[in-house]
Amino acid sequence: EHMEIMIKGVEKRKKHLEKKMKKMDILEDQIEDVIKEIGKMKEFTTEEFKKIVKTGYKEFAKKMIDEDDF
C-alpha cells in the first residue's frame, strides 16, 4: 500500500513536469517571436527594447506560474 502511494506521487510529479516541459516549449517559441520582432526594427531605443522583452517575459511568467508550484 505504501508503494502504491509512492507510485501515485511519482506519477503526479511526472505529469506536472511534463506540463512544465510543454510550457518551456512555449517559452522557446515566444523568445523566437521577440527576436523576430526586434530584428524587424531598423532602430530602437533601449526603452523600446526593454518594453518588448518585458512584455514577452510577463506573458511567459503568467503561463509558467501555477498553483502546483506552491
N, C-alpha and C. Protein backbone atom coordinates (compact mmCIF):
# COMPACT_ATOMS: atom_id res chain seq x y z
N GLU A 1 0.83 -1.20 0.00
CA GLU A 1 0.00 0.00 0.00
C GLU A 1 0.87 1.26 0.00
N HIS A 2 1.93 1.23 0.79
CA HIS A 2 2.84 2.37 0.84
C HIS A 2 3.48 2.61 -0.53
N MET A 3 3.82 1.53 -1.21
CA MET A 3 4.43 1.64 -2.54
C MET A 3 3.43 2.25 -3.53
N GLU A 4 2.16 1.88 -3.41
CA GLU A 4 1.14 2.43 -4.30
C GLU A 4 1.03 3.94 -4.12
N ILE A 5 1.07 4.38 -2.89
CA ILE A 5 1.01 5.82 -2.60
C ILE A 5 2.23 6.51 -3.20
N MET A 6 3.39 5.91 -3.05
CA MET A 6 4.61 6.48 -3.60
C MET A 6 4.54 6.54 -5.13
N ILE A 7 4.03 5.48 -5.74
CA ILE A 7 3.92 5.44 -7.20
C ILE A 7 2.97 6.52 -7.69
N LYS A 8 1.85 6.70 -7.00
CA LYS A 8 0.90 7.74 -7.38
C LYS A 8 1.54 9.12 -7.28
N GLY A 9 2.34 9.31 -6.24
CA GLY A 9 3.04 10.59 -6.07
C GLY A 9 4.02 10.85 -7.19
N VAL A 10 4.75 9.82 -7.57
CA VAL A 10 5.73 9.94 -8.66
C VAL A 10 5.00 10.23 -9.98
N GLU A 11 3.89 9.55 -10.21
CA GLU A 11 3.12 9.76 -11.44
C GLU A 11 2.57 11.19 -11.50
N LYS A 12 2.11 11.68 -10.35
CA LYS A 12 1.59 13.05 -10.30
C LYS A 12 2.71 14.04 -10.61
N ARG A 13 3.87 13.81 -10.02
CA ARG A 13 5.02 14.70 -10.27
C ARG A 13 5.44 14.63 -11.74
N LYS A 14 5.40 13.43 -12.32
CA LYS A 14 5.75 13.26 -13.73
C LYS A 14 4.83 14.09 -14.62
N LYS A 15 3.52 14.03 -14.35
CA LYS A 15 2.56 14.80 -15.14
C LYS A 15 2.83 16.30 -14.99
N HIS A 16 3.14 16.70 -13.77
CA HIS A 16 3.45 18.11 -13.51
C HIS A 16 4.68 18.55 -14.31
N LEU A 17 5.71 17.72 -14.32
CA LEU A 17 6.93 18.05 -15.06
C LEU A 17 6.69 18.06 -16.57
N GLU A 18 5.86 17.15 -17.05
CA GLU A 18 5.52 17.15 -18.47
C GLU A 18 4.80 18.44 -18.85
N LYS A 19 3.93 18.90 -17.96
CA LYS A 19 3.22 20.16 -18.19
C LYS A 19 4.22 21.32 -18.24
N LYS A 20 5.18 21.31 -17.35
CA LYS A 20 6.22 22.35 -17.34
C LYS A 20 7.04 22.31 -18.62
N MET A 21 7.34 21.12 -19.10
CA MET A 21 8.13 20.99 -20.33
C MET A 21 7.37 21.60 -21.51
N LYS A 22 6.06 21.39 -21.56
CA LYS A 22 5.26 21.99 -22.63
C LYS A 22 5.31 23.51 -22.54
N LYS A 23 5.26 24.01 -21.31
CA LYS A 23 5.33 25.46 -21.12
C LYS A 23 6.70 26.00 -21.53
N MET A 24 7.74 25.23 -21.30
CA MET A 24 9.08 25.65 -21.73
C MET A 24 9.16 25.70 -23.25
N ASP A 25 8.48 24.79 -23.93
CA ASP A 25 8.42 24.84 -25.39
C ASP A 25 7.74 26.13 -25.85
N ILE A 26 6.70 26.53 -25.13
CA ILE A 26 6.01 27.78 -25.44
C ILE A 26 6.97 28.94 -25.26
N LEU A 27 7.76 28.91 -24.18
CA LEU A 27 8.75 29.97 -23.94
C LEU A 27 9.71 30.08 -25.11
N GLU A 28 10.18 28.96 -25.58
CA GLU A 28 11.12 28.96 -26.70
C GLU A 28 10.50 29.66 -27.91
N ASP A 29 9.24 29.35 -28.18
CA ASP A 29 8.54 29.99 -29.30
C ASP A 29 8.40 31.50 -29.07
N GLN A 30 8.09 31.89 -27.82
CA GLN A 30 7.94 33.31 -27.52
C GLN A 30 9.26 34.05 -27.66
N ILE A 31 10.34 33.42 -27.26
CA ILE A 31 11.66 34.05 -27.40
C ILE A 31 11.96 34.27 -28.88
N GLU A 32 11.65 33.28 -29.70
CA GLU A 32 11.84 33.43 -31.15
C GLU A 32 11.02 34.59 -31.68
N ASP A 33 9.79 34.73 -31.21
CA ASP A 33 8.93 35.83 -31.66
C ASP A 33 9.52 37.19 -31.26
N VAL A 34 10.03 37.29 -30.04
CA VAL A 34 10.63 38.54 -29.57
C VAL A 34 11.86 38.87 -30.42
N ILE A 35 12.69 37.88 -30.68
CA ILE A 35 13.89 38.10 -31.50
C ILE A 35 13.49 38.58 -32.90
N LYS A 36 12.46 37.96 -33.47
CA LYS A 36 11.99 38.38 -34.80
C LYS A 36 11.47 39.81 -34.77
N GLU A 37 10.72 40.14 -33.72
CA GLU A 37 10.17 41.49 -33.61
C GLU A 37 11.29 42.52 -33.51
N ILE A 38 12.29 42.23 -32.71
CA ILE A 38 13.42 43.15 -32.57
C ILE A 38 14.20 43.23 -33.88
N GLY A 39 14.35 42.09 -34.54
CA GLY A 39 15.08 42.05 -35.80
C GLY A 39 14.43 42.86 -36.90
N LYS A 40 13.11 43.01 -36.87
CA LYS A 40 12.39 43.78 -37.88
C LYS A 40 12.61 45.29 -37.73
N MET A 41 12.97 45.71 -36.54
CA MET A 41 13.14 47.13 -36.28
C MET A 41 14.50 47.59 -36.79
N LYS A 42 14.50 48.67 -37.55
CA LYS A 42 15.77 49.22 -38.05
C LYS A 42 16.54 49.84 -36.89
N GLU A 43 15.84 50.62 -36.12
CA GLU A 43 16.44 51.26 -34.96
C GLU A 43 15.44 51.18 -33.81
N PHE A 44 15.95 51.07 -32.63
CA PHE A 44 15.07 51.10 -31.47
C PHE A 44 15.86 51.60 -30.27
N THR A 45 15.14 52.24 -29.38
CA THR A 45 15.78 52.76 -28.18
C THR A 45 15.88 51.64 -27.15
N THR A 46 16.67 51.90 -26.15
CA THR A 46 16.80 50.93 -25.05
C THR A 46 15.44 50.71 -24.40
N GLU A 47 14.67 51.76 -24.27
CA GLU A 47 13.35 51.65 -23.64
C GLU A 47 12.41 50.78 -24.48
N GLU A 48 12.45 50.94 -25.79
CA GLU A 48 11.62 50.10 -26.67
C GLU A 48 12.03 48.64 -26.56
N PHE A 49 13.32 48.40 -26.50
CA PHE A 49 13.85 47.04 -26.35
C PHE A 49 13.36 46.43 -25.04
N LYS A 50 13.49 47.20 -23.95
CA LYS A 50 13.05 46.71 -22.64
C LYS A 50 11.56 46.39 -22.65
N LYS A 51 10.78 47.24 -23.31
CA LYS A 51 9.32 47.03 -23.36
C LYS A 51 8.99 45.71 -24.07
N ILE A 52 9.65 45.47 -25.19
CA ILE A 52 9.40 44.23 -25.95
C ILE A 52 9.75 43.01 -25.10
N VAL A 53 10.91 43.05 -24.45
CA VAL A 53 11.36 41.92 -23.64
C VAL A 53 10.46 41.73 -22.42
N LYS A 54 10.10 42.83 -21.74
CA LYS A 54 9.23 42.73 -20.56
C LYS A 54 7.87 42.14 -20.92
N THR A 55 7.32 42.57 -22.04
CA THR A 55 6.02 42.05 -22.48
C THR A 55 6.11 40.55 -22.69
N GLY A 56 7.14 40.11 -23.39
CA GLY A 56 7.32 38.67 -23.62
C GLY A 56 7.52 37.91 -22.32
N TYR A 57 8.29 38.50 -21.39
CA TYR A 57 8.55 37.83 -20.12
C TYR A 57 7.28 37.73 -19.29
N LYS A 58 6.49 38.79 -19.25
CA LYS A 58 5.26 38.76 -18.46
C LYS A 58 4.31 37.69 -18.97
N GLU A 59 4.19 37.58 -20.29
CA GLU A 59 3.32 36.55 -20.87
C GLU A 59 3.82 35.17 -20.48
N PHE A 60 5.13 34.98 -20.55
CA PHE A 60 5.72 33.70 -20.18
C PHE A 60 5.48 33.40 -18.70
N ALA A 61 5.73 34.39 -17.85
CA ALA A 61 5.58 34.17 -16.41
C ALA A 61 4.15 33.77 -16.05
N LYS A 62 3.19 34.40 -16.69
CA LYS A 62 1.79 34.06 -16.43
C LYS A 62 1.50 32.60 -16.77
N LYS A 63 2.12 32.12 -17.84
CA LYS A 63 1.89 30.74 -18.26
C LYS A 63 2.67 29.74 -17.41
N MET A 64 3.81 30.15 -16.90
CA MET A 64 4.67 29.23 -16.15
C MET A 64 4.22 29.05 -14.70
N ILE A 65 3.72 30.10 -14.11
CA ILE A 65 3.37 30.05 -12.68
C ILE A 65 1.99 29.41 -12.54
N ASP A 66 1.94 28.38 -11.73
CA ASP A 66 0.65 27.77 -11.43
C ASP A 66 0.63 27.34 -9.97
N GLU A 67 -0.54 27.00 -9.51
CA GLU A 67 -0.72 26.68 -8.10
C GLU A 67 0.06 25.44 -7.66
N ASP A 68 0.38 24.55 -8.59
CA ASP A 68 1.09 23.33 -8.24
C ASP A 68 2.49 23.61 -7.70
N ASP A 69 3.00 24.81 -7.98
CA ASP A 69 4.35 25.15 -7.53
C ASP A 69 4.39 25.61 -6.08
N PHE A 70 3.22 25.88 -5.51
CA PHE A 70 3.20 26.42 -4.15
C PHE A 70 2.56 25.48 -3.17
